[in-house]
């Protein structure tokens, strides 16, 4: 989003948001939070592992536009491209930056397959992002 005069306004989460869904007995918990280039994502992941113990997967993605564009993702043990990339796509579609999303999965005993995983991780992230309050940041 641009302001008059050509300055860029960045929309970011104003607080952490958590949303949960179930897909074929697997529990998916989407967590979205503000995230900046100088933060350590590993510390936040460790905190989430303590809050949601014994989950099978903690898949994540982040998107930063300032001070330079950066993004990244991890499938965290899920088949390649089935978790981190769909979360990253949800982040890009949301229009938010300075943001990270972690989708935590408790395996429910039924394999979802590649398409099922892609859909579940993307939907879980999208639901959390849709509920996330936003704030405008000026670089």
Protein backbone atom coordinates (compact mmCIF):
# COMPACT_ATOMS: atom_id res chain seq x y z
CA UNK A 1 0.00 0.00 0.00
CA UNK A 2 1.32 3.46 -0.88
CA UNK A 3 0.68 6.78 0.81
CA UNK A 4 0.43 10.06 -1.08
CA UNK A 5 3.95 11.12 -1.92
CA UNK A 6 5.01 7.59 -2.82
CA UNK A 7 5.88 6.34 0.68
CA UNK A 8 5.17 2.69 1.20
CA UNK A 9 2.99 1.59 4.13
CA UNK A 10 3.51 -1.93 5.36
CA UNK A 11 0.64 -3.83 6.97
CA UNK A 12 1.73 -6.07 9.82
CA UNK A 13 -0.03 -8.07 12.52
CA UNK A 14 -0.65 -6.00 15.64
CA UNK A 15 -0.72 -9.09 17.86
CA UNK A 16 -0.52 -12.87 17.84
CA UNK A 17 -3.53 -14.73 16.47
CA UNK A 18 -4.26 -18.45 16.94
CA UNK A 19 -6.86 -20.43 14.99
CA UNK A 20 -7.50 -24.16 15.03
CA UNK A 21 -9.07 -26.58 12.57
CA UNK A 22 -9.38 -30.33 12.20
CA UNK A 23 -8.87 -32.24 8.96
CA UNK A 24 -9.54 -35.99 8.99
CA UNK A 25 -8.70 -36.23 12.71
CA UNK A 26 -5.44 -34.25 12.39
CA UNK A 27 -5.46 -31.07 14.46
CA UNK A 28 -3.93 -28.00 12.79
CA UNK A 29 -3.19 -24.90 14.86
CA UNK A 30 -2.29 -21.76 12.91
CA UNK A 31 -0.32 -19.12 14.80
CA UNK A 32 0.41 -15.74 13.20
CA UNK A 33 2.56 -13.09 14.86
CA UNK A 34 4.57 -9.94 14.12
CA UNK A 35 8.11 -10.81 13.08
CA UNK A 36 11.07 -8.58 12.28
CA UNK A 37 14.44 -9.13 10.64
CA UNK A 38 16.37 -8.82 13.89
CA UNK A 39 14.36 -11.53 15.68
CA UNK A 40 15.32 -15.19 16.01
CA UNK A 41 12.56 -17.46 14.71
CA UNK A 42 14.11 -20.46 16.49
CA UNK A 43 13.35 -18.85 19.85
CA UNK A 44 9.70 -18.40 18.89
CA UNK A 45 9.48 -21.98 17.61
CA UNK A 46 10.88 -23.27 20.89
CA UNK A 47 8.25 -21.27 22.77
CA UNK A 48 5.49 -22.75 20.58
CA UNK A 49 6.85 -26.27 21.14
CA UNK A 50 6.48 -25.66 24.88
CA UNK A 51 2.94 -24.24 24.48
CA UNK A 52 1.84 -27.07 22.18
CA UNK A 53 3.83 -30.09 23.37
CA UNK A 54 4.04 -33.44 21.61
CA UNK A 55 2.83 -32.11 18.25
CA UNK A 56 4.19 -33.95 15.25
CA UNK A 57 5.12 -30.94 13.11
CA UNK A 58 5.83 -27.24 13.57
CA UNK A 59 5.88 -25.91 9.99
CA UNK A 60 6.51 -22.24 9.33
CA UNK A 61 7.00 -19.36 6.93
CA UNK A 62 7.86 -15.69 7.26
CA UNK A 63 7.71 -12.57 5.10
CA UNK A 64 9.66 -9.37 5.70
CA UNK A 65 9.72 -6.28 3.46
CA UNK A 66 11.76 -3.87 5.59
CA UNK A 67 14.70 -3.17 5.91
CA UNK A 68 15.12 -5.58 2.97
CA UNK A 69 12.85 -8.18 1.41
CA UNK A 70 13.28 -11.63 2.92
CA UNK A 71 11.16 -14.71 3.19
CA UNK A 72 11.60 -18.32 4.12
CA UNK A 73 9.75 -21.48 5.03
CA UNK A 74 10.17 -24.98 6.41
CA UNK A 75 8.21 -28.19 5.92
CA UNK A 76 9.55 -29.42 9.29
CA UNK A 77 9.47 -33.10 8.40
CA UNK A 78 6.40 -33.11 6.16
CA UNK A 79 6.95 -34.13 2.52
CA UNK A 80 8.79 -31.45 0.55
CA UNK A 81 6.55 -28.58 -0.57
CA UNK A 82 3.46 -29.70 1.35
CA UNK A 83 3.58 -27.39 4.38
CA UNK A 84 5.98 -24.44 4.34
CA UNK A 85 5.27 -23.36 0.78
CA UNK A 86 1.44 -23.31 1.24
CA UNK A 87 1.94 -21.27 4.43
CA UNK A 88 4.22 -18.90 2.51
CA UNK A 89 1.59 -18.54 -0.24
CA UNK A 90 -1.05 -17.70 2.38
CA UNK A 91 1.27 -15.01 3.80
CA UNK A 92 1.80 -13.45 0.36
CA UNK A 93 -1.96 -13.52 -0.37
CA UNK A 94 -2.74 -11.82 2.94
CA UNK A 95 -0.83 -8.67 2.01
CA UNK A 96 0.90 -8.68 5.41
CA UNK A 97 4.62 -8.25 5.95
CA UNK A 98 6.86 -8.28 9.01
CA UNK A 99 4.95 -11.48 9.77
CA UNK A 100 5.54 -15.13 10.53
CA UNK A 101 3.10 -18.02 10.61
CA UNK A 102 3.57 -21.41 12.24
CA UNK A 103 1.14 -24.26 11.66
CA UNK A 104 1.34 -26.92 14.31
CA UNK A 105 0.03 -30.39 13.44
CA UNK A 106 -1.05 -33.16 15.75
CA UNK A 107 -1.30 -36.25 13.52
CA UNK A 108 -4.71 -37.89 13.77
CA UNK A 109 -3.82 -41.31 12.40
CA UNK A 110 -5.10 -40.79 8.86
CA UNK A 111 -2.62 -39.90 6.09
CA UNK A 112 -3.83 -36.90 4.13
CA UNK A 113 -1.67 -37.33 1.03
CA UNK A 114 0.26 -34.59 -0.73
CA UNK A 115 -2.80 -32.63 -1.92
CA UNK A 116 -4.50 -32.98 1.46
CA UNK A 117 -1.44 -31.67 3.30
CA UNK A 118 -1.05 -28.72 0.93
CA UNK A 119 -4.71 -27.78 1.37
CA UNK A 120 -4.74 -28.25 5.15
CA UNK A 121 -1.57 -26.26 5.84
CA UNK A 122 -2.60 -23.47 3.46
CA UNK A 123 -6.13 -23.28 4.87
CA UNK A 124 -4.92 -23.30 8.47
CA UNK A 125 -2.54 -20.41 7.81
CA UNK A 126 -5.16 -18.51 5.79
CA UNK A 127 -7.75 -18.81 8.60
CA UNK A 128 -5.32 -17.45 11.18
CA UNK A 129 -4.24 -14.65 8.83
CA UNK A 130 -7.84 -13.65 8.08
CA UNK A 131 -8.49 -13.22 11.82
CA UNK A 132 -5.29 -11.26 12.45
CA UNK A 133 -5.66 -7.60 13.47
CA UNK A 134 -3.47 -5.35 11.34
CA UNK A 135 -1.44 -2.25 11.94
CA UNK A 136 0.19 0.07 9.39
CA UNK A 137 3.95 0.46 9.78
CA UNK A 138 5.93 3.24 8.15
CA UNK A 139 9.52 2.31 7.31
